[in-house]
Amino acid sequence: MREVYVPITVGALTLTYFTYWLTAWLCVYYCVSISNFNHPFFLWSKRNISMYLPRILLLSAAGSFFISLPAIWTASVEVTLQSPVNGSLGPHLISCSFYIQPFYVQAASSIGCYAPFLLILVSIIVTNSSLIRHLRKMKQKDSRFSQTKDQAHVNAIRTMWMFLTISIIFCTSEMLLFSLPPSREDNCILVSWLIFTSFPAVESLVIIFANPKLKKQIMEKVLWFNRKL
């Protein structure tokens, strides 16, 4: 039913694209907060990112919805009725194929996936360069300098690399999902859909385990729940 699959498609695409943009802006925030470059752009960003970030997130949410909205006209489901093999009067078997126009898929993916992926990649490269330069300066000043003194920055870098890893997996699965012809029995499409829809949950786990306090609180809740069982 069109009244069912169209809202589900628009909602799923909106949430997925918005989640991806949230990942990108989180990496940008890490980059601006950690990087110690003296370029005027970085200095301006450090002073103003907290003020502009809520507006950027609101704009990203609205943009994710609007780039998902054309799916109403570009998505379709082809239904094929198949008669029972034994020729009885029982109900017909129904085969369905979900189809989205390739041009819309490429345009929406470029804005909703590939653009934030580039932000994530650039942020990680810049942040790593800044942190490596910072560690070298600290070691030159103090030979007894330990990396544990900068553990918060190291954890942020590790989190960004995990974001990059799952982003690569997500982009690969999306390209595979929309490049293959629609087939109800294709295992590759099934795996791609599984990765595509589980991305927000995996990203949430990365954020949880990247925050020691949040991780500790959740683990305590889990252990308490297990003891109750």
N, C-alpha and C. Protein backbone atom coordinates (compact mmCIF):
# COMPACT_ATOMS: atom_id res chain seq x y z
N MET A 1 0.84 -1.19 0.00
CA MET A 1 0.00 0.00 0.00
C MET A 1 0.88 1.24 0.00
N ARG A 2 0.60 2.13 -0.94
CA ARG A 2 1.39 3.35 -1.06
C ARG A 2 1.31 4.20 0.20
N GLU A 3 0.16 4.19 0.87
CA GLU A 3 0.00 4.98 2.10
C GLU A 3 0.88 4.46 3.23
N VAL A 4 1.42 3.26 3.07
CA VAL A 4 2.25 2.67 4.11
C VAL A 4 3.74 2.81 3.77
N TYR A 5 4.13 2.41 2.56
CA TYR A 5 5.56 2.37 2.27
C TYR A 5 6.15 3.74 2.01
N VAL A 6 5.35 4.72 1.54
CA VAL A 6 5.89 6.06 1.29
C VAL A 6 6.28 6.77 2.58
N PRO A 7 5.40 6.85 3.61
CA PRO A 7 5.83 7.49 4.87
C PRO A 7 7.00 6.77 5.53
N ILE A 8 7.01 5.43 5.46
CA ILE A 8 8.11 4.69 6.05
C ILE A 8 9.42 5.01 5.34
N THR A 9 9.37 5.08 4.01
CA THR A 9 10.57 5.38 3.24
C THR A 9 11.09 6.78 3.55
N VAL A 10 10.20 7.77 3.53
CA VAL A 10 10.61 9.16 3.82
C VAL A 10 11.15 9.28 5.24
N GLY A 11 10.48 8.65 6.20
CA GLY A 11 10.94 8.72 7.58
C GLY A 11 12.28 8.05 7.79
N ALA A 12 12.46 6.87 7.19
CA ALA A 12 13.73 6.15 7.35
C ALA A 12 14.88 6.91 6.71
N LEU A 13 14.67 7.45 5.50
CA LEU A 13 15.72 8.21 4.84
C LEU A 13 16.05 9.48 5.62
N THR A 14 15.03 10.17 6.15
CA THR A 14 15.26 11.40 6.90
C THR A 14 16.10 11.13 8.15
N LEU A 15 15.72 10.11 8.90
CA LEU A 15 16.46 9.80 10.13
C LEU A 15 17.89 9.34 9.83
N THR A 16 18.05 8.57 8.76
CA THR A 16 19.39 8.07 8.43
C THR A 16 20.29 9.21 7.96
N TYR A 17 19.78 10.06 7.06
CA TYR A 17 20.59 11.19 6.61
C TYR A 17 20.91 12.14 7.75
N PHE A 18 19.95 12.41 8.62
CA PHE A 18 20.18 13.32 9.74
C PHE A 18 21.20 12.72 10.71
N THR A 19 21.12 11.42 10.95
CA THR A 19 22.10 10.77 11.81
C THR A 19 23.50 10.89 11.23
N TYR A 20 23.59 10.76 9.92
CA TYR A 20 24.89 10.87 9.27
C TYR A 20 25.44 12.28 9.38
N TRP A 21 24.59 13.28 9.22
CA TRP A 21 25.03 14.67 9.38
C TRP A 21 25.40 14.96 10.83
N LEU A 22 24.69 14.36 11.79
CA LEU A 22 25.07 14.53 13.19
C LEU A 22 26.48 13.99 13.44
N THR A 23 26.79 12.86 12.83
CA THR A 23 28.14 12.32 12.95
C THR A 23 29.17 13.29 12.40
N ALA A 24 28.87 13.87 11.25
CA ALA A 24 29.81 14.81 10.63
C ALA A 24 30.02 16.03 11.50
N TRP A 25 28.94 16.61 12.03
CA TRP A 25 29.09 17.81 12.85
C TRP A 25 29.76 17.49 14.18
N LEU A 26 29.57 16.28 14.70
CA LEU A 26 30.27 15.90 15.92
C LEU A 26 31.78 15.82 15.67
N CYS A 27 32.17 15.26 14.54
CA CYS A 27 33.58 15.21 14.19
C CYS A 27 34.14 16.61 13.94
N VAL A 28 33.36 17.49 13.33
CA VAL A 28 33.80 18.87 13.13
C VAL A 28 33.98 19.56 14.47
N TYR A 29 33.06 19.30 15.40
CA TYR A 29 33.16 19.90 16.73
C TYR A 29 34.43 19.41 17.45
N TYR A 30 34.69 18.10 17.37
CA TYR A 30 35.94 17.57 17.92
C TYR A 30 37.15 18.26 17.29
N CYS A 31 37.11 18.40 15.96
CA CYS A 31 38.22 18.98 15.23
C CYS A 31 38.49 20.41 15.68
N VAL A 32 37.43 21.22 15.76
CA VAL A 32 37.60 22.62 16.14
C VAL A 32 38.05 22.74 17.59
N SER A 33 37.54 21.87 18.46
CA SER A 33 37.88 21.95 19.88
C SER A 33 39.30 21.49 20.16
N ILE A 34 39.78 20.50 19.41
CA ILE A 34 41.08 19.91 19.69
C ILE A 34 42.20 20.60 18.92
N SER A 35 41.94 20.96 17.67
CA SER A 35 43.00 21.51 16.82
C SER A 35 43.53 22.82 17.41
N ASN A 36 44.84 23.00 17.33
CA ASN A 36 45.48 24.19 17.87
C ASN A 36 46.18 25.01 16.79
N PHE A 37 45.61 24.98 15.59
CA PHE A 37 46.16 25.78 14.50
C PHE A 37 45.86 27.26 14.75
N ASN A 38 46.73 28.12 14.26
CA ASN A 38 46.57 29.56 14.46
C ASN A 38 45.91 30.25 13.27
N HIS A 39 45.36 29.45 12.37
CA HIS A 39 44.68 30.04 11.22
C HIS A 39 43.45 30.81 11.70
N PRO A 40 43.17 31.99 11.11
CA PRO A 40 42.02 32.80 11.56
C PRO A 40 40.70 32.05 11.53
N PHE A 41 40.54 31.12 10.57
CA PHE A 41 39.29 30.37 10.49
C PHE A 41 39.10 29.49 11.72
N PHE A 42 40.17 28.83 12.16
CA PHE A 42 40.07 27.97 13.34
C PHE A 42 39.84 28.81 14.60
N LEU A 43 40.50 29.94 14.70
CA LEU A 43 40.29 30.80 15.86
C LEU A 43 38.86 31.32 15.92
N TRP A 44 38.32 31.68 14.76
CA TRP A 44 36.92 32.15 14.72
C TRP A 44 35.97 31.00 15.05
N SER A 45 36.27 29.80 14.56
CA SER A 45 35.41 28.65 14.82
C SER A 45 35.39 28.28 16.30
N LYS A 46 36.53 28.34 16.97
CA LYS A 46 36.59 28.03 18.39
C LYS A 46 35.70 28.97 19.20
N ARG A 47 35.65 30.24 18.80
CA ARG A 47 34.88 31.23 19.54
C ARG A 47 33.39 31.12 19.26
N ASN A 48 33.00 30.65 18.08
CA ASN A 48 31.60 30.76 17.66
C ASN A 48 30.90 29.44 17.42
N ILE A 49 31.59 28.32 17.48
CA ILE A 49 30.93 27.06 17.12
C ILE A 49 29.80 26.71 18.08
N SER A 50 29.96 27.02 19.37
CA SER A 50 28.89 26.71 20.34
C SER A 50 27.63 27.52 20.05
N MET A 51 27.80 28.71 19.52
CA MET A 51 26.64 29.56 19.25
C MET A 51 25.91 29.13 17.98
N TYR A 52 26.66 28.72 16.97
CA TYR A 52 26.06 28.38 15.69
C TYR A 52 25.67 26.92 15.56
N LEU A 53 26.19 26.05 16.44
CA LEU A 53 25.93 24.62 16.30
C LEU A 53 24.45 24.26 16.37
N PRO A 54 23.64 24.81 17.32
CA PRO A 54 22.21 24.47 17.32
C PRO A 54 21.51 24.83 16.01
N ARG A 55 21.88 25.96 15.42
CA ARG A 55 21.26 26.35 14.14
C ARG A 55 21.69 25.41 13.02
N ILE A 56 22.94 24.99 13.06
CA ILE A 56 23.43 24.06 12.03
C ILE A 56 22.71 22.72 12.13
N LEU A 57 22.50 22.24 13.36
CA LEU A 57 21.80 20.97 13.54
C LEU A 57 20.35 21.07 13.09
N LEU A 58 19.70 22.20 13.39
CA LEU A 58 18.31 22.40 12.94
C LEU A 58 18.25 22.46 11.42
N LEU A 59 19.20 23.13 10.80
CA LEU A 59 19.25 23.20 9.34
C LEU A 59 19.52 21.82 8.74
N SER A 60 20.35 21.03 9.39
CA SER A 60 20.63 19.68 8.90
C SER A 60 19.39 18.80 8.98
N ALA A 61 18.62 18.94 10.07
CA ALA A 61 17.39 18.16 10.20
C ALA A 61 16.39 18.52 9.11
N ALA A 62 16.23 19.83 8.88
CA ALA A 62 15.31 20.27 7.82
C ALA A 62 15.79 19.82 6.46
N GLY A 63 17.09 19.94 6.21
CA GLY A 63 17.63 19.52 4.92
C GLY A 63 17.48 18.02 4.69
N SER A 64 17.68 17.22 5.75
CA SER A 64 17.51 15.77 5.61
C SER A 64 16.08 15.41 5.25
N PHE A 65 15.12 16.16 5.81
CA PHE A 65 13.71 15.90 5.49
C PHE A 65 13.40 16.27 4.04
N PHE A 66 13.90 17.41 3.59
CA PHE A 66 13.56 17.89 2.25
C PHE A 66 14.22 17.05 1.16
N ILE A 67 15.43 16.52 1.42
CA ILE A 67 16.03 15.67 0.39
C ILE A 67 15.41 14.28 0.38
N SER A 68 14.70 13.92 1.46
CA SER A 68 14.00 12.64 1.50
C SER A 68 12.59 12.75 0.94
N LEU A 69 12.06 13.96 0.90
CA LEU A 69 10.67 14.15 0.47
C LEU A 69 10.41 13.72 -0.97
N PRO A 70 11.33 13.94 -1.92
CA PRO A 70 11.07 13.48 -3.30
C PRO A 70 10.87 11.99 -3.45
N ALA A 71 11.20 11.21 -2.41
CA ALA A 71 10.95 9.77 -2.48
C ALA A 71 9.48 9.46 -2.68
N ILE A 72 8.60 10.41 -2.32
CA ILE A 72 7.16 10.22 -2.52
C ILE A 72 6.86 9.98 -3.99
N TRP A 73 7.58 10.68 -4.87
CA TRP A 73 7.30 10.57 -6.30
C TRP A 73 8.27 9.65 -7.03
N THR A 74 9.40 9.32 -6.41
CA THR A 74 10.40 8.51 -7.10
C THR A 74 10.42 7.06 -6.65
N ALA A 75 9.77 6.76 -5.53
CA ALA A 75 9.76 5.38 -5.03
C ALA A 75 8.49 4.67 -5.48
N SER A 76 8.62 3.41 -5.80
CA SER A 76 7.47 2.61 -6.22
C SER A 76 7.70 1.15 -5.83
N VAL A 77 6.61 0.43 -5.75
CA VAL A 77 6.65 -1.00 -5.45
C VAL A 77 5.95 -1.75 -6.57
N GLU A 78 6.65 -2.69 -7.15
CA GLU A 78 6.07 -3.52 -8.19
C GLU A 78 5.57 -4.82 -7.57
N VAL A 79 4.28 -5.07 -7.70
CA VAL A 79 3.65 -6.24 -7.10
C VAL A 79 3.31 -7.23 -8.20
N THR A 80 3.71 -8.47 -8.00
CA THR A 80 3.44 -9.54 -8.97
C THR A 80 2.62 -10.62 -8.28
N LEU A 81 1.49 -10.96 -8.87
CA LEU A 81 0.63 -12.02 -8.34
C LEU A 81 0.98 -13.34 -9.00
N GLN A 82 1.15 -14.35 -8.20
CA GLN A 82 1.49 -15.68 -8.69
C GLN A 82 0.45 -16.69 -8.22
N SER A 83 -0.07 -17.45 -9.15
CA SER A 83 -1.07 -18.45 -8.81
C SER A 83 -0.41 -19.63 -8.12
N PRO A 84 -1.13 -20.31 -7.24
CA PRO A 84 -0.59 -21.50 -6.58
C PRO A 84 -0.22 -22.57 -7.59
N VAL A 85 0.78 -23.36 -7.24
CA VAL A 85 1.27 -24.37 -8.16
C VAL A 85 0.23 -25.45 -8.41
N ASN A 86 -0.53 -25.84 -7.38
CA ASN A 86 -1.48 -26.94 -7.52
C ASN A 86 -2.78 -26.51 -8.18
N GLY A 87 -2.89 -25.22 -8.55
CA GLY A 87 -4.08 -24.76 -9.24
C GLY A 87 -5.32 -24.67 -8.38
N SER A 88 -5.17 -24.71 -7.07
CA SER A 88 -6.33 -24.63 -6.19
C SER A 88 -6.85 -23.20 -6.15
N LEU A 89 -7.95 -23.03 -5.45
CA LEU A 89 -8.57 -21.72 -5.34
C LEU A 89 -8.06 -20.95 -4.13
N GLY A 90 -6.93 -21.35 -3.58
CA GLY A 90 -6.37 -20.67 -2.41
C GLY A 90 -5.87 -19.29 -2.77
N PRO A 91 -5.38 -18.53 -1.79
CA PRO A 91 -4.90 -17.17 -2.03
C PRO A 91 -3.68 -17.17 -2.93
N HIS A 92 -3.56 -16.11 -3.71
CA HIS A 92 -2.42 -15.97 -4.61
C HIS A 92 -1.17 -15.57 -3.82
N LEU A 93 -0.03 -16.01 -4.29
CA LEU A 93 1.25 -15.60 -3.72
C LEU A 93 1.63 -14.24 -4.29
N ILE A 94 2.16 -13.34 -3.47
CA ILE A 94 2.48 -11.98 -3.90
C ILE A 94 3.98 -11.78 -3.81
N SER A 95 4.60 -11.32 -4.89
CA SER A 95 6.01 -10.98 -4.94
C SER A 95 6.15 -9.48 -5.13
N CYS A 96 6.98 -8.84 -4.29
CA CYS A 96 7.12 -7.38 -4.32
C CYS A 96 8.57 -7.00 -4.58
N SER A 97 8.77 -5.93 -5.36
CA SER A 97 10.09 -5.37 -5.61
C SER A 97 10.02 -3.87 -5.36
N PHE A 98 10.92 -3.38 -4.49
CA PHE A 98 10.97 -1.96 -4.15
C PHE A 98 11.94 -1.27 -5.10
N TYR A 99 11.52 -0.14 -5.66
CA TYR A 99 12.32 0.52 -6.69
C TYR A 99 12.33 2.03 -6.44
N ILE A 100 13.53 2.64 -6.52
CA ILE A 100 13.69 4.10 -6.44
C ILE A 100 14.47 4.55 -7.67
N GLN A 101 14.08 5.64 -8.26
CA GLN A 101 14.72 6.12 -9.47
C GLN A 101 16.20 6.41 -9.22
N PRO A 102 17.10 5.93 -10.07
CA PRO A 102 18.55 6.07 -9.85
C PRO A 102 19.01 7.52 -9.73
N PHE A 103 18.44 8.42 -10.52
CA PHE A 103 18.87 9.82 -10.45
C PHE A 103 18.63 10.41 -9.07
N TYR A 104 17.46 10.13 -8.50
CA TYR A 104 17.17 10.64 -7.16
C TYR A 104 18.09 10.00 -6.12
N VAL A 105 18.36 8.71 -6.28
CA VAL A 105 19.23 8.01 -5.33
C VAL A 105 20.61 8.67 -5.31
N GLN A 106 21.17 8.95 -6.47
CA GLN A 106 22.50 9.55 -6.53
C GLN A 106 22.50 10.97 -5.98
N ALA A 107 21.46 11.75 -6.31
CA ALA A 107 21.40 13.13 -5.81
C ALA A 107 21.24 13.17 -4.30
N ALA A 108 20.32 12.37 -3.77
CA ALA A 108 20.10 12.35 -2.32
C ALA A 108 21.30 11.80 -1.58
N SER A 109 21.95 10.77 -2.14
CA SER A 109 23.12 10.19 -1.49
C SER A 109 24.28 11.17 -1.45
N SER A 110 24.41 11.98 -2.50
CA SER A 110 25.50 12.96 -2.54
C SER A 110 25.35 13.99 -1.43
N ILE A 111 24.11 14.42 -1.17
CA ILE A 111 23.88 15.42 -0.13
C ILE A 111 23.80 14.79 1.26
N GLY A 112 23.13 13.66 1.36
CA GLY A 112 22.87 13.07 2.67
C GLY A 112 23.95 12.15 3.19
N CYS A 113 24.82 11.63 2.30
CA CYS A 113 25.83 10.66 2.74
C CYS A 113 27.26 11.06 2.36
N TYR A 114 27.48 11.34 1.09
CA TYR A 114 28.84 11.58 0.63
C TYR A 114 29.39 12.91 1.15
N ALA A 115 28.56 13.96 1.21
CA ALA A 115 29.02 15.26 1.73
C ALA A 115 29.42 15.16 3.21
N PRO A 116 28.57 14.61 4.09
CA PRO A 116 29.02 14.46 5.48
C PRO A 116 30.19 13.51 5.63
N PHE A 117 30.30 12.50 4.76
CA PHE A 117 31.46 11.61 4.82
C PHE A 117 32.75 12.38 4.56
N LEU A 118 32.74 13.31 3.61
CA LEU A 118 33.92 14.13 3.35
C LEU A 118 34.25 15.01 4.56
N LEU A 119 33.22 15.54 5.24
CA LEU A 119 33.46 16.32 6.45
C LEU A 119 34.12 15.47 7.53
N ILE A 120 33.63 14.24 7.69
CA ILE A 120 34.22 13.35 8.68
C ILE A 120 35.68 13.06 8.34
N LEU A 121 35.95 12.78 7.08
CA LEU A 121 37.31 12.45 6.65
C LEU A 121 38.26 13.63 6.86
N VAL A 122 37.84 14.82 6.42
CA VAL A 122 38.69 16.01 6.57
C VAL A 122 38.92 16.34 8.04
N SER A 123 37.86 16.21 8.86
CA SER A 123 37.99 16.52 10.29
C SER A 123 38.99 15.59 10.96
N ILE A 124 38.95 14.31 10.61
CA ILE A 124 39.87 13.35 11.21
C ILE A 124 41.31 13.64 10.79
N ILE A 125 41.52 13.96 9.52
CA ILE A 125 42.87 14.25 9.05
C ILE A 125 43.42 15.49 9.74
N VAL A 126 42.62 16.56 9.83
CA VAL A 126 43.08 17.79 10.46
C VAL A 126 43.34 17.58 11.95
N THR A 127 42.42 16.87 12.62
CA THR A 127 42.57 16.65 14.05
C THR A 127 43.79 15.80 14.36
N ASN A 128 44.02 14.76 13.58
CA ASN A 128 45.20 13.93 13.80
C ASN A 128 46.49 14.72 13.56
N SER A 129 46.50 15.54 12.53
CA SER A 129 47.69 16.36 12.27
C SER A 129 47.97 17.30 13.43
N SER A 130 46.91 17.92 13.95
CA SER A 130 47.09 18.84 15.07
C SER A 130 47.55 18.12 16.33
N LEU A 131 46.96 16.96 16.61
CA LEU A 131 47.33 16.23 17.82
C LEU A 131 48.76 15.70 17.74
N ILE A 132 49.16 15.20 16.58
CA ILE A 132 50.53 14.72 16.42
C ILE A 132 51.53 15.86 16.61
N ARG A 133 51.23 17.01 16.03
CA ARG A 133 52.11 18.16 16.21
C ARG A 133 52.17 18.59 17.67
N HIS A 134 51.02 18.55 18.35
CA HIS A 134 50.97 18.91 19.77
C HIS A 134 51.79 17.95 20.62
N LEU A 135 51.68 16.66 20.37
CA LEU A 135 52.43 15.66 21.13
C LEU A 135 53.93 15.81 20.91
N ARG A 136 54.33 16.12 19.68
CA ARG A 136 55.75 16.31 19.40
C ARG A 136 56.30 17.52 20.15
N LYS A 137 55.53 18.61 20.18
CA LYS A 137 55.98 19.80 20.91
C LYS A 137 56.11 19.52 22.40
N MET A 138 55.13 18.78 22.96
CA MET A 138 55.16 18.48 24.38
C MET A 138 56.34 17.57 24.72
N LYS A 139 56.67 16.62 23.87
CA LYS A 139 57.80 15.74 24.12
C LYS A 139 59.12 16.48 24.00
N GLN A 140 59.17 17.47 23.11
CA GLN A 140 60.39 18.27 22.99
C GLN A 140 60.61 19.13 24.23
N LYS A 141 59.51 19.63 24.80
CA LYS A 141 59.62 20.46 25.99
C LYS A 141 59.87 19.63 27.25
N ASP A 142 59.26 18.44 27.30
CA ASP A 142 59.36 17.59 28.48
C ASP A 142 59.58 16.15 28.02
N SER A 143 60.78 15.64 28.25
CA SER A 143 61.08 14.27 27.81
C SER A 143 60.29 13.24 28.59
N ARG A 144 59.78 13.59 29.77
CA ARG A 144 58.99 12.67 30.58
C ARG A 144 57.50 12.76 30.29
N PHE A 145 57.16 13.49 29.24
CA PHE A 145 55.75 13.68 28.88
C PHE A 145 55.11 12.33 28.55
N SER A 146 53.98 12.11 29.13
CA SER A 146 53.24 10.86 28.91
C SER A 146 51.97 11.15 28.12
N GLN A 147 51.60 10.23 27.28
CA GLN A 147 50.41 10.41 26.45
C GLN A 147 49.14 10.40 27.30
N THR A 148 49.22 9.85 28.51
CA THR A 148 48.03 9.81 29.36
C THR A 148 47.57 11.21 29.75
N LYS A 149 48.48 12.19 29.71
CA LYS A 149 48.09 13.56 30.02
C LYS A 149 47.13 14.12 28.98
N ASP A 150 47.19 13.57 27.81
CA ASP A 150 46.32 14.04 26.73
C ASP A 150 45.31 12.97 26.35
N GLN A 151 44.87 12.18 27.34
CA GLN A 151 44.02 11.02 27.07
C GLN A 151 42.67 11.43 26.50
N ALA A 152 42.14 12.59 26.91
CA ALA A 152 40.85 13.03 26.39
C ALA A 152 40.91 13.26 24.89
N HIS A 153 42.01 13.86 24.43
CA HIS A 153 42.18 14.07 22.99
C HIS A 153 42.34 12.75 22.25
N VAL A 154 43.10 11.85 22.85
CA VAL A 154 43.30 10.55 22.23
C VAL A 154 41.98 9.79 22.11
N ASN A 155 41.15 9.85 23.14
CA ASN A 155 39.83 9.20 23.08
C ASN A 155 38.96 9.81 22.00
N ALA A 156 39.02 11.13 21.86
CA ALA A 156 38.24 11.79 20.81
C ALA A 156 38.70 11.34 19.43
N ILE A 157 40.02 11.22 19.24
CA ILE A 157 40.55 10.76 17.95
C ILE A 157 40.11 9.33 17.68
N ARG A 158 40.17 8.48 18.70
CA ARG A 158 39.74 7.08 18.54
C ARG A 158 38.26 7.02 18.15
N THR A 159 37.46 7.86 18.78
CA THR A 159 36.03 7.89 18.45
C THR A 159 35.80 8.32 17.01
N MET A 160 36.55 9.34 16.57
CA MET A 160 36.40 9.81 15.20
C MET A 160 36.81 8.75 14.19
N TRP A 161 37.85 7.98 14.50
CA TRP A 161 38.26 6.90 13.60
C TRP A 161 37.21 5.80 13.55
N MET A 162 36.56 5.54 14.67
CA MET A 162 35.47 4.56 14.66
C MET A 162 34.31 5.07 13.83
N PHE A 163 34.01 6.38 13.94
CA PHE A 163 32.98 6.97 13.10
C PHE A 163 33.33 6.81 11.62
N LEU A 164 34.59 7.05 11.30
CA LEU A 164 35.03 6.92 9.90
C LEU A 164 34.87 5.49 9.41
N THR A 165 35.20 4.53 10.25
CA THR A 165 35.11 3.11 9.86
C THR A 165 33.67 2.72 9.56
N ILE A 166 32.75 3.05 10.49
CA ILE A 166 31.36 2.68 10.24
C ILE A 166 30.76 3.50 9.11
N SER A 167 31.29 4.71 8.88
CA SER A 167 30.81 5.52 7.76
C SER A 167 31.21 4.88 6.43
N ILE A 168 32.43 4.35 6.36
CA ILE A 168 32.86 3.67 5.14
C ILE A 168 31.99 2.44 4.87
N ILE A 169 31.73 1.67 5.94
CA ILE A 169 30.86 0.49 5.78
C ILE A 169 29.47 0.91 5.33
N PHE A 170 28.96 2.00 5.91
CA PHE A 170 27.63 2.48 5.56
C PHE A 170 27.57 2.94 4.11
N CYS A 171 28.56 3.73 3.68
CA CYS A 171 28.57 4.20 2.29
C CYS A 171 28.67 3.04 1.31
N THR A 172 29.50 2.06 1.64
CA THR A 172 29.66 0.90 0.76
C THR A 172 28.35 0.12 0.64
N SER A 173 27.69 -0.08 1.78
CA SER A 173 26.42 -0.82 1.74
C SER A 173 25.35 -0.05 0.99
N GLU A 174 25.36 1.29 1.12
CA GLU A 174 24.35 2.07 0.40
C GLU A 174 24.58 2.03 -1.11
N MET A 175 25.84 2.16 -1.53
CA MET A 175 26.13 2.08 -2.96
C MET A 175 25.76 0.72 -3.51
N LEU A 176 26.02 -0.33 -2.72
CA LEU A 176 25.65 -1.67 -3.16
C LEU A 176 24.15 -1.83 -3.21
N LEU A 177 23.46 -1.25 -2.22
CA LEU A 177 22.02 -1.39 -2.13
C LEU A 177 21.32 -0.76 -3.33
N PHE A 178 21.76 0.43 -3.72
CA PHE A 178 21.07 1.16 -4.78
C PHE A 178 21.65 0.92 -6.17
N SER A 179 22.75 0.16 -6.25
CA SER A 179 23.31 -0.13 -7.56
C SER A 179 22.81 -1.46 -8.11
N LEU A 180 22.40 -2.36 -7.22
CA LEU A 180 21.90 -3.66 -7.67
C LEU A 180 20.45 -3.55 -8.10
N PRO A 181 20.03 -4.33 -9.06
CA PRO A 181 18.62 -4.33 -9.46
C PRO A 181 17.76 -4.88 -8.34
N PRO A 182 16.54 -4.37 -8.19
CA PRO A 182 15.68 -4.84 -7.11
C PRO A 182 15.35 -6.32 -7.27
N SER A 183 15.61 -7.07 -6.22
CA SER A 183 15.33 -8.51 -6.25
C SER A 183 14.97 -8.95 -4.85
N ARG A 184 13.88 -9.57 -4.71
CA ARG A 184 13.38 -9.96 -3.38
C ARG A 184 14.23 -11.05 -2.76
N GLU A 185 14.93 -11.83 -3.59
CA GLU A 185 15.68 -12.97 -3.09
C GLU A 185 17.19 -12.72 -3.08
N ASP A 186 17.63 -11.49 -3.29
CA ASP A 186 19.05 -11.18 -3.34
C ASP A 186 19.57 -10.99 -1.93
N ASN A 187 20.51 -11.86 -1.51
CA ASN A 187 21.08 -11.78 -0.17
C ASN A 187 21.92 -10.52 0.03
N CYS A 188 22.57 -10.05 -1.04
CA CYS A 188 23.37 -8.83 -0.93
C CYS A 188 22.50 -7.63 -0.56
N ILE A 189 21.32 -7.54 -1.16
CA ILE A 189 20.41 -6.44 -0.84
C ILE A 189 19.91 -6.57 0.59
N LEU A 190 19.66 -7.78 1.03
CA LEU A 190 19.21 -8.00 2.41
C LEU A 190 20.27 -7.54 3.41
N VAL A 191 21.53 -7.90 3.17
CA VAL A 191 22.62 -7.49 4.06
C VAL A 191 22.80 -5.97 4.02
N SER A 192 22.69 -5.39 2.82
CA SER A 192 22.84 -3.94 2.69
C SER A 192 21.75 -3.20 3.45
N TRP A 193 20.52 -3.67 3.37
CA TRP A 193 19.42 -3.06 4.12
C TRP A 193 19.66 -3.19 5.61
N LEU A 194 20.19 -4.33 6.04
CA LEU A 194 20.47 -4.53 7.46
C LEU A 194 21.51 -3.53 7.96
N ILE A 195 22.57 -3.33 7.20
CA ILE A 195 23.60 -2.35 7.57
C ILE A 195 23.04 -0.94 7.52
N PHE A 196 22.26 -0.65 6.48
CA PHE A 196 21.70 0.68 6.28
C PHE A 196 20.81 1.09 7.45
N THR A 197 19.99 0.16 7.93
CA THR A 197 19.04 0.50 9.00
C THR A 197 19.67 0.41 10.39
N SER A 198 20.77 -0.32 10.55
CA SER A 198 21.40 -0.47 11.87
C SER A 198 22.45 0.59 12.13
N PHE A 199 22.73 1.46 11.17
CA PHE A 199 23.77 2.47 11.33
C PHE A 199 23.55 3.38 12.54
N PRO A 200 22.32 3.94 12.76
CA PRO A 200 22.14 4.80 13.94
C PRO A 200 22.40 4.08 15.26
N ALA A 201 21.99 2.80 15.35
CA ALA A 201 22.21 2.06 16.59
C ALA A 201 23.70 1.83 16.84
N VAL A 202 24.43 1.47 15.80
CA VAL A 202 25.87 1.25 15.94
C VAL A 202 26.56 2.55 16.33
N GLU A 203 26.15 3.64 15.73
CA GLU A 203 26.73 4.94 16.06
C GLU A 203 26.46 5.32 17.51
N SER A 204 25.27 5.00 18.01
CA SER A 204 24.95 5.27 19.40
C SER A 204 25.86 4.48 20.35
N LEU A 205 26.15 3.24 20.00
CA LEU A 205 27.06 2.43 20.81
C LEU A 205 28.46 3.04 20.83
N VAL A 206 28.91 3.56 19.69
CA VAL A 206 30.22 4.20 19.64
C VAL A 206 30.26 5.41 20.57
N ILE A 207 29.21 6.22 20.55
CA ILE A 207 29.16 7.40 21.42
C ILE A 207 29.12 6.99 22.89
N ILE A 208 28.37 5.94 23.21
CA ILE A 208 28.27 5.49 24.60
C ILE A 208 29.63 5.03 25.12
N PHE A 209 30.31 4.18 24.36
CA PHE A 209 31.58 3.64 24.83
C PHE A 209 32.72 4.65 24.72
N ALA A 210 32.50 5.75 24.00
CA ALA A 210 33.52 6.80 23.93
C ALA A 210 33.48 7.71 25.15
N ASN A 211 32.38 7.69 25.88
CA ASN A 211 32.22 8.52 27.07
C ASN A 211 32.38 7.63 28.31
N PRO A 212 33.49 7.75 29.05
CA PRO A 212 33.71 6.85 30.20
C PRO A 212 32.59 6.93 31.24
N LYS A 213 32.11 8.13 31.54
CA LYS A 213 31.07 8.27 32.55
C LYS A 213 29.77 7.62 32.09
N LEU A 214 29.41 7.88 30.84
CA LEU A 214 28.18 7.30 30.30
C LEU A 214 28.29 5.78 30.21
N LYS A 215 29.44 5.30 29.81
CA LYS A 215 29.66 3.86 29.73
C LYS A 215 29.54 3.22 31.11
N LYS A 216 30.13 3.87 32.13
CA LYS A 216 30.08 3.33 33.48
C LYS A 216 28.65 3.28 34.01
N GLN A 217 27.87 4.35 33.76
CA GLN A 217 26.49 4.39 34.22
C GLN A 217 25.65 3.30 33.57
N ILE A 218 25.82 3.11 32.27
CA ILE A 218 25.04 2.09 31.56
C ILE A 218 25.43 0.70 32.00
N MET A 219 26.72 0.46 32.19
CA MET A 219 27.16 -0.86 32.65
C MET A 219 26.62 -1.15 34.04
N GLU A 220 26.57 -0.13 34.90
CA GLU A 220 26.00 -0.33 36.23
C GLU A 220 24.52 -0.67 36.15
N LYS A 221 23.80 0.00 35.23
CA LYS A 221 22.38 -0.30 35.06
C LYS A 221 22.18 -1.71 34.53
N VAL A 222 23.04 -2.14 33.61
CA VAL A 222 22.93 -3.48 33.05
C VAL A 222 23.20 -4.54 34.11
N LEU A 223 24.25 -4.32 34.91
CA LEU A 223 24.56 -5.27 35.97
C LEU A 223 23.45 -5.32 37.01
N TRP A 224 22.89 -4.16 37.34
CA TRP A 224 21.77 -4.13 38.30
C TRP A 224 20.57 -4.88 37.76
N PHE A 225 20.29 -4.73 36.46
CA PHE A 225 19.16 -5.42 35.83
C PHE A 225 19.40 -6.93 35.82
N ASN A 226 20.65 -7.33 35.56
CA ASN A 226 20.95 -8.77 35.54
C ASN A 226 20.79 -9.39 36.93
N ARG A 227 21.19 -8.63 37.95
CA ARG A 227 21.03 -9.15 39.30
C ARG A 227 19.55 -9.31 39.68
N LYS A 228 18.72 -8.39 39.19
CA LYS A 228 17.28 -8.49 39.46
C LYS A 228 16.68 -9.71 38.79
N LEU A 229 17.19 -10.06 37.59
CA LEU A 229 16.69 -11.25 36.90
C LEU A 229 17.13 -12.52 37.60
